[in-house]
C-alpha atoms as a PDB file:
ATOM      1  CA  MET A   1      89.805 -39.728 158.477  1.00  0.00           C
ATOM      2  CA  ASN A   2      87.853 -36.468 158.344  1.00  0.00           C
ATOM      3  CA  ASP A   3      85.267 -36.479 155.547  1.00  0.00           C
ATOM      4  CA  ARG A   4      84.194 -32.910 156.263  1.00  0.00           C
ATOM      5  CA  VAL A   5      84.867 -30.516 153.419  1.00  0.00           C
ATOM      6  CA  GLN A   6      85.404 -26.882 154.295  1.00  0.00           C
ATOM      7  CA  LEU A   7      84.885 -24.295 151.604  1.00  0.00           C
ATOM      8  CA  VAL A   8      87.687 -21.767 151.518  1.00  0.00           C
ATOM      9  CA  ASN A   9      87.604 -18.114 150.729  1.00  0.00           C
ATOM     10  CA  HIS A  10      89.866 -16.921 147.907  1.00  0.00           C
ATOM     11  CA  TYR A  11      89.299 -13.191 148.393  1.00  0.00           C
ATOM     12  CA  SER A  12      90.883 -10.456 150.448  1.00  0.00           C
ATOM     13  CA  LEU A  13      88.698  -8.938 153.133  1.00  0.00           C
ATOM     14  CA  LYS A  14      88.079  -5.854 150.987  1.00  0.00           C
ATOM     15  CA  GLU A  15      87.098  -7.973 147.954  1.00  0.00           C
ATOM     16  CA  LEU A  16      84.846 -10.198 150.062  1.00  0.00           C
ATOM     17  CA  LEU A  17      83.066  -7.262 151.673  1.00  0.00           C
ATOM     18  CA  GLU A  18      82.433  -5.683 148.269  1.00  0.00           C
ATOM     19  CA  LYS A  19      81.113  -8.982 146.864  1.00  0.00           C
ATOM     20  CA  MET A  20      78.909  -9.458 149.921  1.00  0.00           C
ATOM     21  CA  ARG A  21      77.499  -5.934 149.565  1.00  0.00           C
ATOM     22  CA  GLN A  22      76.767  -6.531 145.863  1.00  0.00           C
ATOM     23  CA  VAL A  23      74.886  -9.767 146.545  1.00  0.00           C
ATOM     24  CA  LEU A  24      72.975  -8.344 149.521  1.00  0.00           C
ATOM     25  CA  MET A  25      71.891  -5.387 147.383  1.00  0.00           C
ATOM     26  CA  ALA A  26      70.948  -7.664 144.464  1.00  0.00           C
ATOM     27  CA  THR A  27      68.811  -9.800 146.775  1.00  0.00           C
ATOM     28  CA  GLN A  28      67.349  -6.794 148.594  1.00  0.00           C
ATOM     29  CA  ARG A  29      68.554  -8.026 151.978  1.00  0.00           C
ATOM     30  CA  ASP A  30      68.517  -4.548 153.507  1.00  0.00           C
ATOM     31  CA  ASP A  31      68.555  -5.963 157.043  1.00  0.00           C
ATOM     32  CA  ALA A  32      71.723  -7.946 156.404  1.00  0.00           C
ATOM     33  CA  LEU A  33      73.316  -5.065 154.516  1.00  0.00           C
ATOM     34  CA  ALA A  34      72.622  -2.693 157.425  1.00  0.00           C
ATOM     35  CA  LEU A  35      74.156  -5.182 159.871  1.00  0.00           C
ATOM     36  CA  LEU A  36      77.204  -5.659 157.652  1.00  0.00           C
ATOM     37  CA  ASP A  37      77.610  -1.869 157.436  1.00  0.00           C
ATOM     38  CA  LYS A  38      77.489  -1.629 161.249  1.00  0.00           C
ATOM     39  CA  ALA A  39      80.224  -4.245 161.519  1.00  0.00           C
ATOM     40  CA  ILE A  40      82.355  -2.465 158.895  1.00  0.00           C
ATOM     41  CA  ALA A  41      81.928   0.856 160.730  1.00  0.00           C
ATOM     42  CA  LYS A  42      82.928  -0.742 164.040  1.00  0.00           C
ATOM     43  CA  ALA A  43      85.956  -2.371 162.403  1.00  0.00           C
ATOM     44  CA  SER A  44      87.072   0.971 160.967  1.00  0.00           C
ATOM     45  CA  CYS A  45      87.545   2.418 164.458  1.00  0.00           C
ATOM     46  CA  ASP A  46      88.387  -0.724 166.481  1.00  0.00           C
ATOM     47  CA  ALA A  47      91.532  -2.608 165.422  1.00  0.00           C
ATOM     48  CA  SER A  48      90.761  -5.685 167.519  1.00  0.00           C
ATOM     49  CA  TYR A  49      87.262  -5.931 166.019  1.00  0.00           C
ATOM     50  CA  GLU A  50      88.743  -5.463 162.558  1.00  0.00           C
ATOM     51  CA  LYS A  51      91.060  -8.430 163.159  1.00  0.00           C
ATOM     52  CA  GLU A  52      88.165 -10.489 164.523  1.00  0.00           C
ATOM     53  CA  MET A  53      86.113  -9.571 161.441  1.00  0.00           C
ATOM     54  CA  GLU A  54      88.895 -10.597 159.092  1.00  0.00           C
ATOM     55  CA  GLU A  55      89.326 -13.943 160.851  1.00  0.00           C
ATOM     56  CA  ALA A  56      85.582 -14.656 160.961  1.00  0.00           C
ATOM     57  CA  LEU A  57      84.846 -13.683 157.366  1.00  0.00           C
ATOM     58  CA  LEU A  58      87.916 -15.140 155.703  1.00  0.00           C
ATOM     59  CA  TYR A  59      88.525 -18.267 157.775  1.00  0.00           C
ATOM     60  CA  GLY A  60      85.619 -18.732 160.169  1.00  0.00           C
ATOM     61  CA  SER A  61      82.393 -20.628 160.253  1.00  0.00           C
ATOM     62  CA  THR A  62      78.810 -19.713 161.050  1.00  0.00           C
ATOM     63  CA  ILE A  63      79.691 -19.842 164.740  1.00  0.00           C
ATOM     64  CA  GLU A  64      82.476 -17.276 164.396  1.00  0.00           C
ATOM     65  CA  LEU A  65      80.155 -15.090 162.321  1.00  0.00           C
ATOM     66  CA  ARG A  66      77.486 -15.196 165.059  1.00  0.00           C
ATOM     67  CA  GLU A  67      80.117 -14.274 167.646  1.00  0.00           C
ATOM     68  CA  LEU A  68      81.411 -11.405 165.498  1.00  0.00           C
ATOM     69  CA  LEU A  69      77.944  -9.945 165.020  1.00  0.00           C
ATOM     70  CA  SER A  70      76.862 -10.476 168.642  1.00  0.00           C
ATOM     71  CA  ALA A  71      78.047  -6.905 169.289  1.00  0.00           C
ATOM     72  CA  PHE A  72      74.830  -5.815 167.555  1.00  0.00           C
ATOM     73  CA  GLY A  73      72.266  -8.284 168.874  1.00  0.00           C
ATOM     74  CA  ASP A  74      71.589 -11.693 170.368  1.00  0.00           C
ATOM     75  CA  TYR A  75      71.346 -14.427 167.730  1.00  0.00           C
ATOM     76  CA  PHE A  76      69.417 -16.663 170.115  1.00  0.00           C
ATOM     77  CA  GLY A  77      67.418 -13.847 171.708  1.00  0.00           C
ATOM     78  CA  PRO A  78      63.678 -13.965 172.248  1.00  0.00           C
ATOM     79  CA  PRO A  79      61.400 -13.008 169.364  1.00  0.00           C
ATOM     80  CA  ASN A  80      59.860  -9.593 168.903  1.00  0.00           C
ATOM     81  CA  THR A  81      56.117  -9.380 169.502  1.00  0.00           C
ATOM     82  CA  GLU A  82      55.582  -8.203 165.926  1.00  0.00           C
ATOM     83  CA  PHE A  83      57.113  -8.899 162.532  1.00  0.00           C
ATOM     84  CA  PRO A  84      59.998  -9.256 161.945  1.00  0.00           C
ATOM     85  CA  PHE A  85      60.140 -11.642 164.863  1.00  0.00           C
ATOM     86  CA  TYR A  86      63.889 -12.349 164.683  1.00  0.00           C
ATOM     87  CA  PRO A  87      65.473  -9.324 162.955  1.00  0.00           C
ATOM     88  CA  HIS A  88      69.049  -9.879 164.176  1.00  0.00           C
ATOM     89  CA  THR A  89      68.930 -13.613 163.500  1.00  0.00           C
ATOM     90  CA  ASP A  90      67.507 -13.026 160.014  1.00  0.00           C
ATOM     91  CA  ALA A  91      70.226 -10.478 159.214  1.00  0.00           C
ATOM     92  CA  VAL A  92      73.021 -12.777 160.444  1.00  0.00           C
ATOM     93  CA  ASN A  93      71.563 -15.675 158.448  1.00  0.00           C
ATOM     94  CA  GLY A  94      71.445 -13.447 155.363  1.00  0.00           C
ATOM     95  CA  ILE A  95      75.136 -12.606 155.725  1.00  0.00           C
ATOM     96  CA  ASP A  96      76.042 -16.241 156.412  1.00  0.00           C
ATOM     97  CA  SER A  97      74.090 -17.391 153.359  1.00  0.00           C
ATOM     98  CA  VAL A  98      75.906 -14.905 151.131  1.00  0.00           C
ATOM     99  CA  MET A  99      79.278 -15.982 152.511  1.00  0.00           C
ATOM    100  CA  GLY A 100      78.471 -19.605 151.724  1.00  0.00           C
ATOM    101  CA  ALA A 101      77.300 -18.754 148.212  1.00  0.00           C
ATOM    102  CA  ILE A 102      80.466 -16.752 147.516  1.00  0.00           C
ATOM    103  CA  LYS A 103      82.690 -19.581 148.722  1.00  0.00           C
ATOM    104  CA  PHE A 104      80.709 -22.204 146.804  1.00  0.00           C
ATOM    105  CA  ASN A 105      80.949 -20.101 143.650  1.00  0.00           C
ATOM    106  CA  THR A 106      84.711 -20.722 143.574  1.00  0.00           C
ATOM    107  CA  ILE A 107      84.170 -24.466 143.083  1.00  0.00           C
ATOM    108  CA  LYS A 108      80.968 -24.184 141.053  1.00  0.00           C
ATOM    109  CA  PRO A 109      81.143 -21.046 138.911  1.00  0.00           C
ATOM    110  CA  GLY A 110      77.718 -19.578 138.321  1.00  0.00           C
ATOM    111  CA  HIS A 111      76.416 -20.530 141.752  1.00  0.00           C
ATOM    112  CA  LEU A 112      76.386 -16.932 142.937  1.00  0.00           C
ATOM    113  CA  LYS A 113      74.096 -15.922 140.065  1.00  0.00           C
ATOM    114  CA  ASP A 114      71.870 -18.922 140.866  1.00  0.00           C
ATOM    115  CA  HIS A 115      71.832 -17.918 144.536  1.00  0.00           C
ATOM    116  CA  ILE A 116      70.692 -14.378 143.683  1.00  0.00           C
ATOM    117  CA  GLU A 117      67.986 -15.670 141.354  1.00  0.00           C
ATOM    118  CA  PHE A 118      66.765 -18.194 143.939  1.00  0.00           C
ATOM    119  CA  VAL A 119      66.590 -15.659 146.774  1.00  0.00           C
ATOM    120  CA  ASN A 120      64.738 -13.197 144.558  1.00  0.00           C
ATOM    121  CA  LEU A 121      62.344 -15.910 143.410  1.00  0.00           C
ATOM    122  CA  MET A 122      61.583 -16.831 147.021  1.00  0.00           C
ATOM    123  CA  ARG A 123      60.848 -13.161 147.818  1.00  0.00           C
ATOM    124  CA  SER A 124      58.213 -12.865 145.100  1.00  0.00           C
END
């Protein structure tokens, strides 16, 4: 028996991307927002990437998200010599965190608001 629970996404790709953008803006995750915008731009002119994006965002896990965004940087790459030390990794983690919060919000309404408040509290 598999005790693992997988959160599902109840949004279309367009709805999810808009929700993700809203949360990233509300939490001032400019790095993650810029990375998401790069992926959206690539998807708009590359049908295979667009399909990969849809699969990763709607049905995938953190691993699929890392693979999708590897076109823009190496998640496990060496650190920069100055801050931010892991800019690509931080941006991917920001997007992944938002995806999880959006999915969790469907089973615990209000979680997304709590997520935004928590992230903003941690920034101050």
